[in-house]
Amino acid sequence: MTISYWQQRGPAGNGGVRRKGVNENKYDIAVIGGGITGVATAYFLKKMGCAKVAVLEREYVGYGATGRNAGFILAGLAEPYSRLVVGMGRNSAGEIMRSTMENHDLIEEAVNEKSIDCGHRRCGSYHLAVSELEREELEDSAEMMISHGFNVQYRPTFDGVEGECLREFRGGFFNPGDGRIDPFAFVRGLAADLDVAEGFEVTSIVKKHGAAVIKGKGAEIEAEMVMLAVNAYAPLLDPYFEKLIFPVRGQMLATSPLAGKPLNDYTYYANFGYDYFRQTDDNSLIMGGLRNRFFKDETGYDDVTSDNLQKALEEYIGGKLGVKDFSVKARWGGVMGNTVDGLPLAGSLPSNSSVVALVGFNGHGMGLGMVSARDLAAAIMTGETSDLLRRFSLKRFAC
């Protein structure tokens, strides 16, 4: 088991204090998964009047991908905006972009409402080109976004104080509305007032008189509805997802605090999202990605790091970013759920209508988790489905 930089700093980082059980054994809604999507769904359900909602987590809240990412809050998806326009059309691409921007607003509102100490800041992000092909795509994307009313700034070169660490890149665009956060601290803070059972490993979900019985090791909970928010692990709970979601591993490292701040306060996203890096509030440098160099190795559920990829991350910091003097304080992995078409999956399971799922975020759970969770909670409480959830619907795979 690896421990992320964020988890090392948090209360549960080394298997510490856990909330062992829920308060009751019967709930209106039981949410399986203590990451951003599951916790946010429970949070919004409670705000909308569902008092009897529980979160069941195999390890501890924020254990999975939510507590292991780089803490970026970005507008858009992994695909460049120009590709989204080609593949989805202008209106749909714009709707996705606006949804991710609303997602950031919801995060900020929750941080302020609950006074969560998670280092949230709207610092802006750079999307950087490492090749001429990517430079052209980013320029096209920036032009389209600007013409569609989004506030981004294309930069063919990087000069001045913010450009020193970017000398190896071939231009890109800056999105001033993007941000940064300690994702582990955020999701722990969001879950603080919820009924949570940590260490509850679900072994089966069984139909019972139109409801469901959730069985775990030494525990059992009954719920009128079950919500799956286990992202990459959905195929392990229901075979329906075996051909829809594929687990891929991302690896990261964090340096000890640097003497200065060569990356300033921005977040950086390069090489079509395969390279990403930033500095934290204590001046540690977080570097992740490069899995495109090791595709065959970086699949599956193993929570490990590999020497070759970790070495490549160090070389990137010293070479491409020009930071020569550093030591590594943390190395970790995290499992992402990639879907066959690059979009999340939402809806009731064909085999059991009392079980709904919101999974498969393709490494962008922080960018879509809150708004998707809010819309799913609203659909559960009112029966009204948003345009976003219709786009993510499982029905798109129905024969």
Protein backbone atom coordinates (compact mmCIF):
# COMPACT_ATOMS: atom_id res chain seq x y z
CA MET A 1 0.00 0.00 0.00
CA THR A 2 1.37 3.40 -0.97
CA ILE A 3 0.58 6.59 0.92
CA SER A 4 0.23 9.88 -0.93
CA TYR A 5 1.74 13.21 0.05
CA TRP A 6 -1.75 14.38 1.06
CA GLN A 7 -2.53 11.27 3.09
CA GLN A 8 0.79 11.50 4.94
CA ARG A 9 -0.30 14.91 6.20
CA GLY A 10 -3.83 13.78 7.13
CA PRO A 11 -5.28 12.01 10.16
CA ALA A 12 -5.87 8.68 8.40
CA GLY A 13 -2.62 8.65 6.48
CA ASN A 14 -1.09 5.64 8.17
CA GLY A 15 -4.23 3.67 8.90
CA GLY A 16 -5.04 5.88 11.87
CA VAL A 17 -8.36 6.59 13.56
CA ARG A 18 -11.32 5.28 11.60
CA ARG A 19 -15.04 5.66 12.07
CA LYS A 20 -15.87 2.02 12.59
CA GLY A 21 -19.61 1.90 12.10
CA VAL A 22 -22.76 3.68 11.05
CA ASN A 23 -25.45 4.68 13.52
CA GLU A 24 -28.19 2.37 12.24
CA ASN A 25 -28.60 -0.78 10.17
CA LYS A 26 -31.34 0.50 7.87
CA TYR A 27 -31.07 3.56 5.62
CA ASP A 28 -32.94 5.24 2.84
CA ILE A 29 -29.75 5.42 0.75
CA ALA A 30 -26.39 3.75 1.24
CA VAL A 31 -23.47 5.15 -0.75
CA ILE A 32 -20.61 2.73 -1.40
CA GLY A 33 -17.32 4.58 -1.83
CA GLY A 34 -15.71 7.31 0.26
CA GLY A 35 -14.11 9.34 -2.51
CA ILE A 36 -15.19 12.69 -3.91
CA THR A 37 -18.20 11.33 -5.81
CA GLY A 38 -19.63 9.20 -3.02
CA VAL A 39 -19.08 11.72 -0.25
CA ALA A 40 -20.42 14.57 -2.41
CA THR A 41 -23.56 12.61 -3.28
CA ALA A 42 -24.23 11.94 0.41
CA TYR A 43 -23.49 15.58 1.20
CA PHE A 44 -26.00 16.84 -1.37
CA LEU A 45 -28.61 14.21 -0.43
CA LYS A 46 -28.44 15.42 3.16
CA LYS A 47 -28.73 19.06 2.05
CA MET A 48 -31.79 18.12 -0.01
CA GLY A 49 -33.57 16.53 2.94
CA CYS A 50 -32.50 12.87 2.97
CA ALA A 51 -31.59 12.41 6.64
CA LYS A 52 -30.95 8.67 6.51
CA VAL A 53 -27.95 8.33 4.18
CA ALA A 54 -24.78 6.41 4.96
CA VAL A 55 -21.35 6.22 3.31
CA LEU A 56 -19.61 2.84 3.33
CA GLU A 57 -15.87 2.85 2.63
CA ARG A 58 -13.57 -0.17 2.45
CA GLU A 59 -10.58 1.69 3.89
CA TYR A 60 -10.97 5.32 4.98
CA VAL A 61 -12.50 8.42 3.40
CA GLY A 62 -10.15 9.68 0.70
CA TYR A 63 -8.17 6.44 0.53
CA GLY A 64 -8.53 5.92 -3.22
CA ALA A 65 -7.96 8.14 -6.25
CA THR A 66 -9.45 11.20 -4.50
CA GLY A 67 -6.65 11.22 -1.93
CA ARG A 68 -3.95 10.40 -4.48
CA ASN A 69 -4.34 12.95 -7.28
CA ALA A 70 -2.44 16.18 -7.85
CA GLY A 71 -5.18 18.41 -6.46
CA PHE A 72 -5.98 20.14 -9.76
CA ILE A 73 -9.43 21.64 -10.38
CA LEU A 74 -9.54 22.13 -14.14
CA ALA A 75 -12.21 23.21 -16.59
CA GLY A 76 -12.83 20.72 -19.39
CA LEU A 77 -11.88 17.09 -19.88
CA ALA A 78 -8.66 15.30 -20.71
CA GLU A 79 -9.34 15.73 -24.43
CA PRO A 80 -8.46 19.17 -25.88
CA TYR A 81 -11.51 21.36 -26.36
CA SER A 82 -11.03 21.32 -30.13
CA ARG A 83 -11.43 17.54 -30.14
CA LEU A 84 -14.54 17.74 -27.98
CA VAL A 85 -16.08 20.17 -30.47
CA VAL A 86 -15.32 17.83 -33.36
CA GLY A 87 -16.57 14.75 -31.52
CA MET A 88 -19.55 16.19 -29.65
CA GLY A 89 -20.45 19.41 -31.42
CA ARG A 90 -20.12 22.99 -30.22
CA ASN A 91 -23.15 22.99 -27.92
CA SER A 92 -22.30 19.75 -26.12
CA ALA A 93 -18.64 20.65 -25.75
CA GLY A 94 -19.65 24.00 -24.30
CA GLU A 95 -22.06 22.31 -21.87
CA ILE A 96 -19.31 20.02 -20.61
CA MET A 97 -16.99 22.99 -20.15
CA ARG A 98 -19.62 24.95 -18.24
CA SER A 99 -20.38 21.91 -16.06
CA THR A 100 -16.75 21.62 -14.99
CA MET A 101 -16.68 25.33 -14.21
CA GLU A 102 -19.84 24.95 -12.12
CA ASN A 103 -18.15 21.99 -10.41
CA HIS A 104 -15.38 24.33 -9.26
CA ASP A 105 -17.97 26.78 -7.94
CA LEU A 106 -19.60 23.97 -5.93
CA ILE A 107 -16.24 22.99 -4.43
CA GLU A 108 -15.57 26.59 -3.45
CA GLU A 109 -19.03 26.93 -1.90
CA ALA A 110 -18.53 23.77 0.17
CA VAL A 111 -15.08 24.91 1.32
CA ASN A 112 -16.55 28.19 2.52
CA GLU A 113 -19.73 26.70 3.98
CA LYS A 114 -17.90 24.09 6.06
CA SER A 115 -14.68 26.10 6.63
CA ILE A 116 -12.56 23.26 5.23
CA ASP A 117 -8.82 23.85 5.62
CA CYS A 118 -7.68 22.39 2.30
CA GLY A 119 -5.58 25.09 0.64
CA HIS A 120 -8.14 25.82 -2.06
CA ARG A 121 -7.11 28.62 -4.39
CA ARG A 122 -8.17 29.83 -7.83
CA CYS A 123 -4.60 30.11 -9.04
CA GLY A 124 -5.09 29.42 -12.74
CA SER A 125 -3.66 26.62 -14.86
CA TYR A 126 -1.30 26.33 -17.80
CA HIS A 127 -2.01 23.80 -20.54
CA LEU A 128 1.36 23.25 -22.19
CA ALA A 129 2.50 21.82 -25.52
CA VAL A 130 5.42 19.41 -25.77
CA SER A 131 5.17 19.02 -29.56
CA GLU A 132 4.17 21.04 -32.59
CA LEU A 133 1.04 18.90 -32.99
CA GLU A 134 -0.04 19.67 -29.44
CA ARG A 135 0.80 23.36 -29.86
CA GLU A 136 -1.55 23.53 -32.86
CA GLU A 137 -4.31 21.73 -30.97
CA LEU A 138 -3.97 23.99 -27.93
CA GLU A 139 -4.00 27.09 -30.13
CA ASP A 140 -7.13 25.84 -31.91
CA SER A 141 -8.72 24.98 -28.55
CA ALA A 142 -7.96 28.41 -27.11
CA GLU A 143 -9.40 30.16 -30.17
CA MET A 144 -12.56 28.06 -29.98
CA MET A 145 -12.97 28.59 -26.24
CA ILE A 146 -12.55 32.34 -26.60
CA SER A 147 -15.07 32.43 -29.46
CA HIS A 148 -17.50 30.41 -27.30
CA GLY A 149 -17.23 32.90 -24.48
CA PHE A 150 -14.67 31.24 -22.18
CA ASN A 151 -11.92 33.27 -20.58
CA VAL A 152 -8.57 31.75 -21.60
CA GLN A 153 -5.37 33.34 -22.86
CA TYR A 154 -3.23 31.73 -25.55
CA ARG A 155 0.52 32.24 -25.19
CA PRO A 156 2.86 31.24 -28.05
CA THR A 157 5.91 31.63 -25.81
CA PHE A 158 6.60 31.94 -22.10
CA ASP A 159 8.49 35.02 -21.02
CA GLY A 160 9.01 36.75 -17.70
CA VAL A 161 8.95 35.37 -14.18
CA GLU A 162 6.41 32.63 -14.89
CA GLY A 163 8.33 31.39 -17.92
CA GLU A 164 11.61 30.29 -16.38
CA CYS A 165 10.46 26.73 -15.69
CA LEU A 166 8.55 26.58 -19.00
CA ARG A 167 11.41 27.16 -21.40
CA GLU A 168 11.18 23.58 -22.76
CA PHE A 169 7.51 23.91 -23.74
CA ARG A 170 6.08 25.14 -27.05
CA GLY A 171 3.38 27.50 -25.93
CA GLY A 172 -0.08 26.82 -24.62
CA PHE A 173 -2.93 28.57 -22.92
CA PHE A 174 -3.68 29.90 -19.46
CA ASN A 175 -7.06 29.44 -17.76
CA PRO A 176 -7.31 31.90 -14.86
CA GLY A 177 -10.42 30.24 -13.39
CA ASP A 178 -8.78 26.90 -12.61
CA GLY A 179 -7.53 26.03 -9.17
CA ARG A 180 -5.68 23.87 -6.68
CA ILE A 181 -6.67 22.02 -3.53
CA ASP A 182 -5.57 19.39 -1.01
CA PRO A 183 -8.05 16.76 -2.24
CA PHE A 184 -7.68 14.50 0.80
CA ALA A 185 -8.34 17.31 3.28
CA PHE A 186 -11.28 18.50 1.19
CA VAL A 187 -13.11 15.18 1.03
CA ARG A 188 -12.46 14.51 4.72
CA GLY A 189 -13.92 17.90 5.55
CA LEU A 190 -16.91 17.32 3.30
CA ALA A 191 -17.61 14.01 5.07
CA ALA A 192 -17.24 15.39 8.60
CA ASP A 193 -20.99 15.60 9.34
CA LEU A 194 -22.02 12.46 7.46
CA ASP A 195 -22.82 8.98 8.77
CA VAL A 196 -19.73 7.08 7.62
CA ALA A 197 -18.51 3.53 8.16
CA GLU A 198 -14.80 3.18 7.38
CA GLY A 199 -13.32 -0.29 7.07
CA PHE A 200 -16.62 -1.60 5.64
CA GLU A 201 -15.69 -3.87 2.73
CA VAL A 202 -18.78 -4.72 0.71
CA THR A 203 -18.92 -8.39 -0.28
CA SER A 204 -22.37 -8.49 -1.89
CA ILE A 205 -25.51 -6.50 -2.67
CA VAL A 206 -28.65 -8.65 -2.55
CA LYS A 207 -32.19 -7.72 -3.57
CA LYS A 208 -34.78 -7.81 -0.80
CA HIS A 209 -38.41 -6.80 -1.31
CA GLY A 210 -37.56 -3.99 -3.72
CA ALA A 211 -34.67 -2.79 -1.58
CA ALA A 212 -31.16 -4.09 -1.04
CA VAL A 213 -29.10 -5.77 1.65
CA ILE A 214 -25.45 -4.76 1.64
CA LYS A 215 -23.24 -7.37 3.21
CA GLY A 216 -19.74 -6.76 4.47
CA LYS A 217 -17.27 -8.69 6.56
CA GLY A 218 -19.06 -8.99 9.90
CA ALA A 219 -21.66 -6.34 9.05
CA GLU A 220 -24.93 -5.94 7.19
CA ILE A 221 -26.94 -2.85 6.20
CA GLU A 222 -30.30 -2.58 4.50
CA ALA A 223 -31.15 0.34 2.22
CA GLU A 224 -34.00 1.34 -0.03
CA MET A 225 -31.44 2.45 -2.61
CA VAL A 226 -27.72 1.81 -3.10
CA MET A 227 -25.40 4.19 -4.90
CA LEU A 228 -22.11 2.86 -6.30
CA ALA A 229 -19.34 5.46 -6.23
CA VAL A 230 -16.34 3.17 -6.45
CA ASN A 231 -15.00 4.44 -9.78
CA ALA A 232 -12.39 1.99 -11.14
CA TYR A 233 -13.51 -0.73 -8.74
CA ALA A 234 -17.05 -1.00 -10.12
CA PRO A 235 -16.26 -4.21 -12.10
CA LEU A 236 -15.27 -5.89 -8.84
CA LEU A 237 -18.73 -5.25 -7.39
CA ASP A 238 -20.82 -5.92 -10.48
CA PRO A 239 -19.76 -7.75 -13.68
CA TYR A 240 -21.93 -5.37 -15.72
CA PHE A 241 -19.00 -2.92 -15.71
CA GLU A 242 -16.32 -5.37 -16.84
CA LYS A 243 -16.39 -4.19 -20.47
CA LEU A 244 -17.10 -0.55 -19.67
CA ILE A 245 -14.45 0.45 -17.10
CA PHE A 246 -10.74 -0.32 -17.12
CA PRO A 247 -8.43 0.28 -14.15
CA VAL A 248 -5.27 2.22 -14.97
CA ARG A 249 -2.61 3.28 -12.51
CA GLY A 250 -1.17 6.74 -12.18
CA GLN A 251 2.06 7.35 -10.30
CA MET A 252 3.29 10.47 -8.56
CA LEU A 253 6.03 11.76 -6.32
CA ALA A 254 6.50 14.72 -4.03
CA THR A 255 9.83 16.34 -3.29
CA SER A 256 10.89 17.76 0.03
CA PRO A 257 10.20 21.52 0.21
CA LEU A 258 12.33 23.42 -2.30
CA ALA A 259 14.30 26.54 -1.41
CA GLY A 260 12.22 28.62 -3.82
CA LYS A 261 9.06 28.47 -5.91
CA PRO A 262 10.09 27.89 -9.54
CA LEU A 263 6.57 26.83 -10.48
CA ASN A 264 4.88 29.76 -8.73
CA ASP A 265 1.30 29.02 -7.62
CA TYR A 266 -0.09 27.69 -10.91
CA THR A 267 -1.00 24.15 -11.90
CA TYR A 268 0.55 22.71 -15.07
CA TYR A 269 -0.96 20.17 -17.44
CA ALA A 270 1.09 19.05 -20.46
CA ASN A 271 1.42 16.38 -23.13
CA PHE A 272 -2.37 15.94 -23.46
CA GLY A 273 -2.58 15.45 -19.71
CA TYR A 274 0.06 12.75 -19.40
CA ASP A 275 2.44 15.17 -17.60
CA TYR A 276 1.26 17.29 -14.68
CA PHE A 277 3.01 19.16 -11.91
CA ARG A 278 2.66 21.93 -9.32
CA GLN A 279 4.09 23.18 -6.07
CA THR A 280 2.28 22.99 -2.75
CA ASP A 281 1.91 25.54 0.01
CA ASP A 282 5.03 24.18 1.74
CA ASN A 283 6.98 24.45 -1.57
CA SER A 284 7.08 20.69 -2.20
CA LEU A 285 6.96 19.91 -5.91
CA ILE A 286 4.40 17.31 -6.98
CA MET A 287 5.03 15.54 -10.26
CA GLY A 288 2.80 12.91 -11.82
CA GLY A 289 1.95 11.09 -15.00
CA LEU A 290 4.21 9.76 -17.77
CA ARG A 291 2.15 6.58 -17.86
CA ASN A 292 2.03 6.90 -21.67
CA ARG A 293 5.65 5.72 -21.66
CA PHE A 294 4.73 2.52 -19.80
CA PHE A 295 1.21 1.64 -20.93
CA LYS A 296 1.64 -2.12 -20.56
CA ASP A 297 2.77 -1.83 -16.96
CA GLU A 298 0.36 0.84 -15.73
CA THR A 299 -2.89 -1.13 -15.73
CA GLY A 300 -4.76 -3.07 -13.08
CA TYR A 301 -5.52 -2.60 -9.41
CA ASP A 302 -2.08 -2.97 -7.83
CA ASP A 303 -1.28 -0.04 -5.56
CA VAL A 304 2.47 0.05 -6.18
CA THR A 305 5.15 2.21 -7.71
CA SER A 306 7.73 1.13 -10.28
CA ASP A 307 11.39 2.10 -10.40
CA ASN A 308 11.41 2.94 -14.11
CA LEU A 309 8.46 5.34 -14.01
CA GLN A 310 9.57 6.96 -10.76
CA LYS A 311 13.01 7.50 -12.26
CA ALA A 312 11.37 9.11 -15.31
CA LEU A 313 9.45 11.49 -13.03
CA GLU A 314 12.70 12.53 -11.33
CA GLU A 315 14.41 13.05 -14.68
CA TYR A 316 11.50 15.21 -15.86
CA ILE A 317 11.86 17.46 -12.82
CA GLY A 318 15.59 17.80 -13.28
CA GLY A 319 15.53 18.09 -17.09
CA LYS A 320 12.29 19.55 -18.43
CA LEU A 321 11.57 21.70 -15.37
CA GLY A 322 15.20 22.53 -14.64
CA VAL A 323 14.98 21.83 -10.90
CA LYS A 324 18.32 20.20 -10.09
CA ASP A 325 18.55 20.14 -6.30
CA PHE A 326 15.77 18.09 -4.71
CA SER A 327 15.07 14.99 -2.67
CA VAL A 328 11.94 12.81 -2.77
CA LYS A 329 9.76 12.57 0.34
CA ALA A 330 6.81 10.54 -1.01
CA ARG A 331 6.07 8.15 -3.87
CA TRP A 332 2.65 6.68 -4.52
CA GLY A 333 0.21 5.22 -7.00
CA GLY A 334 -3.50 5.57 -7.57
CA VAL A 335 -6.03 3.66 -9.65
CA MET A 336 -8.20 5.57 -12.11
CA GLY A 337 -11.32 4.29 -13.84
CA ASN A 338 -11.15 4.83 -17.60
CA THR A 339 -14.26 4.21 -19.69
CA VAL A 340 -14.56 3.04 -23.25
CA ASP A 341 -15.67 6.44 -24.55
CA GLY A 342 -13.95 8.78 -22.10
CA LEU A 343 -17.14 9.87 -20.29
CA PRO A 344 -18.41 8.87 -16.83
CA LEU A 345 -21.17 6.32 -16.35
CA ALA A 346 -24.40 7.17 -14.51
CA GLY A 347 -27.71 5.39 -14.00
CA SER A 348 -29.54 2.39 -12.59
CA LEU A 349 -28.10 -1.07 -13.12
CA PRO A 350 -30.08 -3.24 -15.55
CA SER A 351 -29.95 -6.14 -13.10
CA ASN A 352 -31.15 -4.18 -10.06
CA SER A 353 -33.03 -0.89 -10.34
CA SER A 354 -32.45 -0.15 -6.65
CA VAL A 355 -28.73 0.24 -7.38
CA VAL A 356 -27.54 3.38 -9.16
CA ALA A 357 -23.97 4.11 -10.19
CA LEU A 358 -21.81 7.16 -10.82
CA VAL A 359 -18.40 5.88 -11.82
CA GLY A 360 -15.64 6.01 -14.45
CA PHE A 361 -14.24 9.54 -14.28
CA ASN A 362 -11.16 8.99 -16.44
CA GLY A 363 -8.83 10.78 -14.03
CA HIS A 364 -11.07 13.87 -13.77
CA GLY A 365 -13.11 13.15 -10.67
CA MET A 366 -12.09 16.45 -9.10
CA GLY A 367 -13.30 18.24 -12.23
CA LEU A 368 -16.72 16.58 -12.45
CA GLY A 369 -17.39 14.80 -9.16
CA MET A 370 -19.24 17.55 -7.31
CA VAL A 371 -21.56 18.67 -10.10
CA SER A 372 -22.33 15.07 -11.12
CA ALA A 373 -23.02 14.14 -7.51
CA ARG A 374 -25.30 17.14 -7.06
CA ASP A 375 -27.26 16.24 -10.17
CA LEU A 376 -27.54 12.58 -9.15
CA ALA A 377 -28.75 13.56 -5.68
CA ALA A 378 -31.36 15.82 -7.28
CA ALA A 379 -32.45 13.02 -9.62
CA ILE A 380 -32.87 10.65 -6.67
CA MET A 381 -34.84 13.19 -4.63
CA THR A 382 -37.00 14.72 -7.39
CA GLY A 383 -36.93 12.31 -10.32
CA GLU A 384 -35.60 15.05 -12.61
CA THR A 385 -32.54 14.12 -14.66
CA SER A 386 -30.11 16.83 -15.76
CA ASP A 387 -28.65 17.15 -19.25
CA LEU A 388 -25.25 16.23 -17.78
CA LEU A 389 -26.49 12.94 -16.34
CA ARG A 390 -28.31 12.14 -19.58
CA ARG A 391 -24.99 12.52 -21.39
CA PHE A 392 -23.37 10.13 -18.90
CA SER A 393 -26.27 7.68 -18.92
CA LEU A 394 -25.62 3.95 -19.00
CA LYS A 395 -28.37 3.74 -21.60
CA ARG A 396 -25.93 4.88 -24.27
CA PHE A 397 -24.53 1.34 -24.21
CA ALA A 398 -27.90 -0.41 -24.45
CA CYS A 399 -28.27 -2.68 -27.45
